[in-house]
Amino acid sequence: MSKAVNEIKQPIIEHLNTFEGKFKGAMKSSVPLLEKITAYIVKRKGKQVRPMFTFLSAQSFGEVNESTHRAAALIELLHTATLVHDDVVDDSNERRSFFSVNALWKNKIAVLIGDFLLSKGLLLSIENEDFHLLKIVTNAVKEMSEGELLQIEKARRLDISEEIYFEIITKKTATLIAACCAAGVASVSTNAQDIAIAKEFGTLTGIAFQIKDDLFDFGGDDSIGKPTGIDIKEKKMTLPLIYALNNCSWLEKRKIINYVKNHNEESEKVNEVIKFVIDKGGVAYTHKVMLEYKQKALSVLEKFPNNAAKQSLEKLVIYAIERKK
């Protein structure tokens, strides 16, 4: 774990440590196979970015309480369910260098595990009458599904405008970060304006976060890193590629679209697409747009009460777009 992340966690470190146990408890089952798989899921969890947004947003506007812990657990349960289902849909064998659930236990079990986690999240909220939190988070899951389907639909034609791209990443990525922030504040406050401000902050941060991810495919925002071309291989139309295709001749556009559509498994052609995007200014333009969203997010953050949690959220935004992976 990087020094920057540990610094960000400081104001909520105790809550995050307690949360790990509570989250494990939220997945409890009397079925041994379920216990085995959920233990595996907990073991391969990442940097706790979503709980960090939830707890820091809550602590910015009030005191973290049991409701905040349930909000964070609800988001993790529903998000984990969507990831397990995504791996089945994408026929993916790995997630964050670990084997995916479907790779180890096959698709049928993975789908059922996703359903189990989803139901656990819903029950957690219903049993505690956290209907306001349930509304925020289930709405985010609905948006994420729509974003995923919109992306699949558009990938077939490979003709995406910037407007559609932003609609996809807002639904797919930003709504979840927005839900973390909104649910965090909703767990400590009934003030609709505060919740709306937190949601707006989360949306803008989520967009900047996803744009950063898209830049990694082309070697990072300054072309120093090693390009991966993974999005190109998956026929994903990201902002650097969209910009480049909108700023080239008809013949170049036809050639590049043909490479992405029909030759995305050939390293040489993928490298040619990456070079084309960099040469046409796609990476430089995307980096500029990312910084604009970072600035918008920080401007909204100015409306938060001034305390240690707010300062950590500011560091979290900066970390999100300066990270190296």
Protein backbone atom coordinates (compact mmCIF):
# COMPACT_ATOMS: atom_id res chain seq x y z
CA MET A 1 0.00 0.00 0.00
CA SER A 2 1.43 3.36 -0.99
CA LYS A 3 2.32 6.08 1.51
CA ALA A 4 -0.21 8.42 -0.19
CA VAL A 5 -3.10 5.96 0.38
CA ASN A 6 -2.14 5.44 4.05
CA GLU A 7 -2.11 9.21 4.53
CA ILE A 8 -5.57 9.55 2.94
CA LYS A 9 -6.96 6.84 5.25
CA GLN A 10 -5.67 8.49 8.44
CA PRO A 11 -8.91 10.25 9.61
CA ILE A 12 -10.97 7.05 9.13
CA ILE A 13 -8.38 4.30 9.73
CA GLU A 14 -10.21 2.85 12.75
CA HIS A 15 -13.51 2.72 10.86
CA LEU A 16 -11.86 0.98 7.89
CA ASN A 17 -10.26 -1.62 10.14
CA THR A 18 -13.60 -2.30 11.84
CA PHE A 19 -15.34 -2.39 8.47
CA GLU A 20 -13.31 -5.38 7.24
CA GLY A 21 -14.82 -7.55 9.97
CA LYS A 22 -18.32 -6.18 9.44
CA PHE A 23 -18.11 -6.80 5.70
CA LYS A 24 -17.04 -10.42 6.27
CA GLY A 25 -19.97 -10.79 8.67
CA ALA A 26 -22.37 -9.41 6.05
CA MET A 27 -21.44 -12.30 3.73
CA LYS A 28 -21.91 -15.08 6.31
CA SER A 29 -23.65 -18.27 5.20
CA SER A 30 -24.29 -21.76 6.58
CA VAL A 31 -23.38 -23.28 3.19
CA PRO A 32 -19.70 -24.37 3.26
CA LEU A 33 -19.13 -23.69 -0.47
CA LEU A 34 -20.45 -20.13 -0.06
CA GLU A 35 -18.20 -19.57 2.95
CA LYS A 36 -15.18 -20.79 0.98
CA ILE A 37 -15.90 -18.54 -2.02
CA THR A 38 -16.76 -15.41 -0.01
CA ALA A 39 -13.52 -15.87 2.01
CA TYR A 40 -11.65 -15.93 -1.32
CA ILE A 41 -13.46 -12.75 -2.46
CA VAL A 42 -12.53 -10.90 0.77
CA LYS A 43 -8.89 -12.01 0.48
CA ARG A 44 -8.45 -10.49 -2.99
CA LYS A 45 -10.03 -7.11 -2.26
CA GLY A 46 -8.21 -3.99 -3.48
CA LYS A 47 -7.32 -0.66 -1.89
CA GLN A 48 -10.73 -0.08 -0.21
CA VAL A 49 -11.34 2.94 -2.46
CA ARG A 50 -15.15 2.71 -2.25
CA PRO A 51 -15.32 2.42 1.57
CA MET A 52 -12.82 5.30 1.75
CA PHE A 53 -15.16 7.55 -0.25
CA THR A 54 -18.12 6.45 1.91
CA PHE A 55 -16.45 6.99 5.30
CA LEU A 56 -14.66 10.22 4.34
CA SER A 57 -17.88 11.72 2.92
CA ALA A 58 -19.77 10.74 6.08
CA GLN A 59 -17.09 12.16 8.36
CA SER A 60 -17.03 15.41 6.36
CA PHE A 61 -20.65 16.08 7.31
CA GLY A 62 -21.03 14.27 10.65
CA GLU A 63 -19.94 11.31 12.76
CA VAL A 64 -19.47 7.87 11.25
CA ASN A 65 -22.05 5.47 12.75
CA GLU A 66 -23.49 1.97 12.23
CA SER A 67 -25.57 3.25 9.33
CA THR A 68 -22.35 4.40 7.60
CA HIS A 69 -20.87 0.93 8.01
CA ARG A 70 -24.03 -0.59 6.52
CA ALA A 71 -23.88 1.89 3.61
CA ALA A 72 -20.27 0.87 2.88
CA ALA A 73 -21.12 -2.86 3.20
CA LEU A 74 -24.17 -2.48 0.94
CA ILE A 75 -22.06 -0.80 -1.77
CA GLU A 76 -19.32 -3.44 -1.49
CA LEU A 77 -21.84 -6.32 -1.63
CA LEU A 78 -23.69 -4.96 -4.64
CA HIS A 79 -20.50 -3.90 -6.41
CA THR A 80 -18.83 -7.28 -5.79
CA ALA A 81 -21.96 -9.00 -7.16
CA THR A 82 -21.72 -6.95 -10.37
CA LEU A 83 -17.98 -7.76 -10.71
CA VAL A 84 -18.60 -11.50 -10.33
CA HIS A 85 -21.35 -11.31 -12.95
CA ASP A 86 -19.15 -9.12 -15.23
CA ASP A 87 -16.42 -11.77 -15.23
CA VAL A 88 -18.97 -14.33 -16.40
CA VAL A 89 -20.27 -11.98 -19.13
CA ASP A 90 -16.72 -11.14 -20.29
CA ASP A 91 -15.57 -14.75 -19.97
CA SER A 92 -12.69 -13.35 -17.92
CA ASN A 93 -10.33 -15.64 -16.01
CA GLU A 94 -8.55 -12.99 -13.98
CA ARG A 95 -9.30 -9.93 -11.88
CA ARG A 96 -6.46 -7.93 -10.29
CA SER A 97 -3.99 -10.79 -10.91
CA PHE A 98 -6.22 -13.26 -9.04
CA PHE A 99 -8.28 -15.98 -10.67
CA SER A 100 -11.90 -14.86 -11.11
CA VAL A 101 -14.70 -16.75 -9.32
CA ASN A 102 -15.96 -18.21 -12.62
CA ALA A 103 -12.42 -19.42 -13.51
CA LEU A 104 -12.19 -21.39 -10.26
CA TRP A 105 -15.80 -22.49 -9.73
CA LYS A 106 -17.37 -22.22 -13.22
CA ASN A 107 -20.06 -19.87 -14.53
CA LYS A 108 -23.15 -21.38 -12.88
CA ILE A 109 -21.68 -21.06 -9.38
CA ALA A 110 -20.34 -17.55 -10.15
CA VAL A 111 -23.81 -16.34 -11.23
CA LEU A 112 -25.36 -17.81 -8.06
CA ILE A 113 -22.66 -16.20 -5.89
CA GLY A 114 -23.46 -12.84 -7.53
CA ASP A 115 -27.15 -13.37 -6.76
CA PHE A 116 -26.32 -14.32 -3.16
CA LEU A 117 -24.23 -11.16 -2.60
CA LEU A 118 -26.95 -9.01 -4.17
CA SER A 119 -29.61 -10.49 -1.88
CA LYS A 120 -27.35 -10.09 1.18
CA GLY A 121 -26.98 -6.39 0.40
CA LEU A 122 -30.72 -5.91 -0.05
CA LEU A 123 -31.50 -7.79 3.18
CA LEU A 124 -28.90 -5.80 5.15
CA SER A 125 -30.72 -2.58 4.22
CA ILE A 126 -34.28 -3.88 4.61
CA GLU A 127 -33.64 -5.45 8.02
CA ASN A 128 -32.23 -2.13 9.28
CA GLU A 129 -34.81 0.00 7.43
CA ASP A 130 -32.06 1.87 5.54
CA PHE A 131 -34.44 2.51 2.64
CA HIS A 132 -32.83 5.88 1.82
CA LEU A 133 -29.44 4.14 1.39
CA LEU A 134 -30.96 1.28 -0.58
CA LYS A 135 -32.53 3.76 -3.01
CA ILE A 136 -29.17 5.50 -3.65
CA VAL A 137 -27.22 2.28 -4.18
CA THR A 138 -29.75 0.25 -6.21
CA ASN A 139 -30.18 3.23 -8.52
CA ALA A 140 -26.40 3.17 -9.08
CA VAL A 141 -26.51 -0.57 -9.93
CA LYS A 142 -29.31 0.11 -12.45
CA GLU A 143 -27.20 2.88 -14.07
CA MET A 144 -24.12 0.64 -14.16
CA SER A 145 -26.06 -2.11 -15.98
CA GLU A 146 -27.38 0.46 -18.48
CA GLY A 147 -23.85 1.79 -19.05
CA GLU A 148 -22.48 -1.71 -19.66
CA LEU A 149 -25.27 -2.50 -22.15
CA LEU A 150 -24.83 0.86 -23.89
CA GLN A 151 -21.11 0.11 -24.29
CA ILE A 152 -21.81 -3.37 -25.71
CA GLU A 153 -24.34 -1.93 -28.15
CA LYS A 154 -21.98 0.83 -29.34
CA ALA A 155 -18.92 -1.48 -29.54
CA ARG A 156 -20.61 -3.37 -32.38
CA ARG A 157 -20.65 -0.26 -34.55
CA LEU A 158 -17.48 1.40 -33.27
CA ASP A 159 -18.97 4.80 -33.94
CA ILE A 160 -19.10 6.64 -30.63
CA SER A 161 -19.27 10.38 -30.10
CA GLU A 162 -17.69 12.08 -27.07
CA GLU A 163 -21.21 12.64 -25.75
CA ILE A 164 -21.99 8.90 -25.78
CA TYR A 165 -18.57 8.12 -24.26
CA PHE A 166 -19.28 10.40 -21.31
CA GLU A 167 -22.75 8.88 -20.90
CA ILE A 168 -21.17 5.40 -20.77
CA ILE A 169 -18.44 6.23 -18.24
CA THR A 170 -20.81 8.29 -16.09
CA LYS A 171 -23.17 5.32 -15.83
CA LYS A 172 -20.51 2.58 -15.65
CA THR A 173 -17.96 4.11 -13.27
CA ALA A 174 -18.94 7.51 -11.92
CA THR A 175 -22.37 6.51 -10.56
CA LEU A 176 -20.77 4.06 -8.13
CA ILE A 177 -18.33 6.64 -6.70
CA ALA A 178 -21.27 9.09 -6.57
CA ALA A 179 -23.30 6.49 -4.63
CA CYS A 180 -20.42 5.99 -2.14
CA CYS A 181 -20.29 9.74 -1.41
CA ALA A 182 -24.07 10.27 -1.36
CA ALA A 183 -24.74 7.21 0.82
CA GLY A 184 -21.94 8.24 3.19
CA VAL A 185 -23.50 11.67 3.74
CA ALA A 186 -27.04 10.20 3.85
CA SER A 187 -25.92 7.94 6.71
CA VAL A 188 -25.16 10.96 8.92
CA SER A 189 -27.44 13.71 7.57
CA THR A 190 -30.96 14.18 6.19
CA ASN A 191 -30.00 17.42 4.43
CA ALA A 192 -30.91 16.82 0.75
CA GLN A 193 -28.59 19.59 -0.45
CA ASP A 194 -25.56 18.08 1.31
CA ILE A 195 -26.35 14.65 -0.19
CA ALA A 196 -26.72 16.21 -3.67
CA ILE A 197 -23.37 18.04 -3.34
CA ALA A 198 -21.66 14.77 -2.30
CA LYS A 199 -23.24 12.96 -5.27
CA GLU A 200 -22.03 15.64 -7.70
CA PHE A 201 -18.52 15.49 -6.24
CA GLY A 202 -18.49 11.68 -6.58
CA THR A 203 -19.71 11.82 -10.19
CA LEU A 204 -17.01 14.28 -11.29
CA THR A 205 -14.30 12.34 -9.43
CA GLY A 206 -15.52 9.07 -10.98
CA ILE A 207 -15.32 10.55 -14.49
CA ALA A 208 -11.75 11.77 -13.89
CA PHE A 209 -10.88 8.34 -12.43
CA GLN A 210 -12.16 6.50 -15.53
CA ILE A 211 -10.41 8.87 -17.94
CA LYS A 212 -7.16 8.10 -16.09
CA ASP A 213 -7.83 4.38 -16.61
CA ASP A 214 -8.39 4.98 -20.32
CA LEU A 215 -5.03 6.76 -20.57
CA PHE A 216 -3.16 3.73 -19.21
CA ASP A 217 -4.03 1.87 -22.42
CA PHE A 218 -1.84 4.32 -24.34
CA GLY A 219 1.06 4.38 -21.90
CA GLY A 220 -0.31 6.89 -19.40
CA ASP A 221 -1.08 10.58 -19.75
CA ASP A 222 2.53 11.52 -20.56
CA SER A 223 3.36 8.49 -22.75
CA ILE A 224 6.10 7.40 -20.33
CA GLY A 225 4.42 4.17 -19.22
CA LYS A 226 4.20 1.04 -21.32
CA PRO A 227 1.10 0.97 -23.54
CA THR A 228 -1.13 -2.07 -23.03
CA GLY A 229 -3.71 -1.78 -25.82
CA ILE A 230 -6.14 -3.88 -23.74
CA ASP A 231 -9.10 -1.59 -24.50
CA ILE A 232 -8.30 -1.77 -28.22
CA LYS A 233 -8.19 -5.58 -28.06
CA GLU A 234 -11.63 -5.47 -26.38
CA LYS A 235 -12.92 -3.04 -29.04
CA LYS A 236 -13.61 -0.37 -26.41
CA MET A 237 -13.92 3.14 -27.77
CA THR A 238 -12.21 5.41 -25.25
CA LEU A 239 -11.68 9.17 -25.33
CA PRO A 240 -8.11 9.18 -26.79
CA LEU A 241 -9.24 6.99 -29.71
CA ILE A 242 -12.52 8.91 -30.24
CA TYR A 243 -10.64 12.22 -30.39
CA ALA A 244 -8.03 10.84 -32.83
CA LEU A 245 -10.73 9.40 -35.13
CA ASN A 246 -12.54 12.76 -35.14
CA ASN A 247 -9.32 14.53 -36.17
CA CYS A 248 -8.06 12.51 -39.11
CA SER A 249 -8.85 11.91 -42.77
CA TRP A 250 -11.66 9.62 -43.89
CA LEU A 251 -9.13 7.07 -45.19
CA GLU A 252 -7.21 7.00 -41.89
CA LYS A 253 -10.44 6.62 -39.97
CA ARG A 254 -11.55 3.69 -42.14
CA LYS A 255 -8.16 1.95 -41.71
CA ILE A 256 -8.02 2.40 -37.91
CA ILE A 257 -11.64 1.27 -37.41
CA ASN A 258 -10.85 -1.81 -39.53
CA TYR A 259 -7.82 -2.58 -37.31
CA VAL A 260 -9.84 -2.24 -34.09
CA LYS A 261 -12.74 -4.28 -35.48
CA ASN A 262 -10.93 -7.06 -37.32
CA HIS A 263 -7.26 -7.09 -36.32
CA ASN A 264 -7.42 -6.36 -32.57
CA GLU A 265 -5.52 -9.57 -31.72
CA GLU A 266 -2.49 -8.61 -33.83
CA SER A 267 0.14 -6.81 -31.72
CA GLU A 268 1.59 -4.97 -34.71
CA LYS A 269 -1.80 -3.49 -35.69
CA VAL A 270 -2.66 -2.65 -32.07
CA ASN A 271 0.68 -0.80 -31.73
CA GLU A 272 -0.12 1.06 -34.93
CA VAL A 273 -3.46 2.18 -33.44
CA ILE A 274 -1.68 3.35 -30.26
CA LYS A 275 0.87 5.32 -32.29
CA PHE A 276 -1.92 6.84 -34.41
CA VAL A 277 -3.81 7.98 -31.28
CA ILE A 278 -0.68 9.56 -29.74
CA ASP A 279 0.32 11.25 -33.03
CA LYS A 280 -3.16 12.71 -33.53
CA GLY A 281 -3.07 14.30 -30.06
CA GLY A 282 -5.62 11.92 -28.53
CA VAL A 283 -3.56 11.32 -25.37
CA ALA A 284 -2.69 15.01 -24.85
CA TYR A 285 -6.36 16.03 -25.35
CA THR A 286 -7.61 13.35 -22.94
CA HIS A 287 -5.08 14.40 -20.30
CA LYS A 288 -6.38 17.98 -20.57
CA VAL A 289 -10.01 16.83 -20.19
CA MET A 290 -9.07 14.70 -17.16
CA LEU A 291 -7.51 17.72 -15.45
CA GLU A 292 -10.67 19.75 -16.16
CA TYR A 293 -12.79 17.11 -14.38
CA LYS A 294 -10.33 16.98 -11.50
CA GLN A 295 -10.71 20.77 -11.15
CA LYS A 296 -14.52 20.55 -11.31
CA ALA A 297 -14.50 17.87 -8.58
CA LEU A 298 -12.24 19.98 -6.34
CA SER A 299 -14.47 23.04 -6.90
CA VAL A 300 -17.52 21.08 -5.68
CA LEU A 301 -15.46 19.79 -2.73
CA GLU A 302 -15.01 23.43 -1.65
CA LYS A 303 -18.68 23.30 -0.54
CA PHE A 304 -17.89 20.54 2.01
CA PRO A 305 -17.28 21.54 5.67
CA ASN A 306 -13.57 22.20 6.23
CA ASN A 307 -12.10 19.33 8.26
CA ALA A 308 -9.56 16.49 8.08
CA ALA A 309 -11.96 14.21 6.16
CA LYS A 310 -12.44 16.86 3.46
CA GLN A 311 -8.66 17.26 3.14
CA SER A 312 -8.35 13.50 2.69
CA LEU A 313 -11.00 13.56 -0.04
CA GLU A 314 -8.98 16.24 -1.82
CA LYS A 315 -5.87 14.01 -1.61
CA LEU A 316 -7.96 11.06 -2.83
CA VAL A 317 -9.00 12.98 -5.98
CA ILE A 318 -5.38 13.94 -6.67
CA TYR A 319 -4.23 10.36 -6.03
CA ALA A 320 -6.93 9.01 -8.39
CA ILE A 321 -5.48 10.89 -11.34
CA GLU A 322 -1.78 10.74 -10.45
CA ARG A 323 -1.61 6.98 -9.71
CA LYS A 324 0.73 4.88 -11.81
CA LYS A 325 -1.61 1.88 -12.16
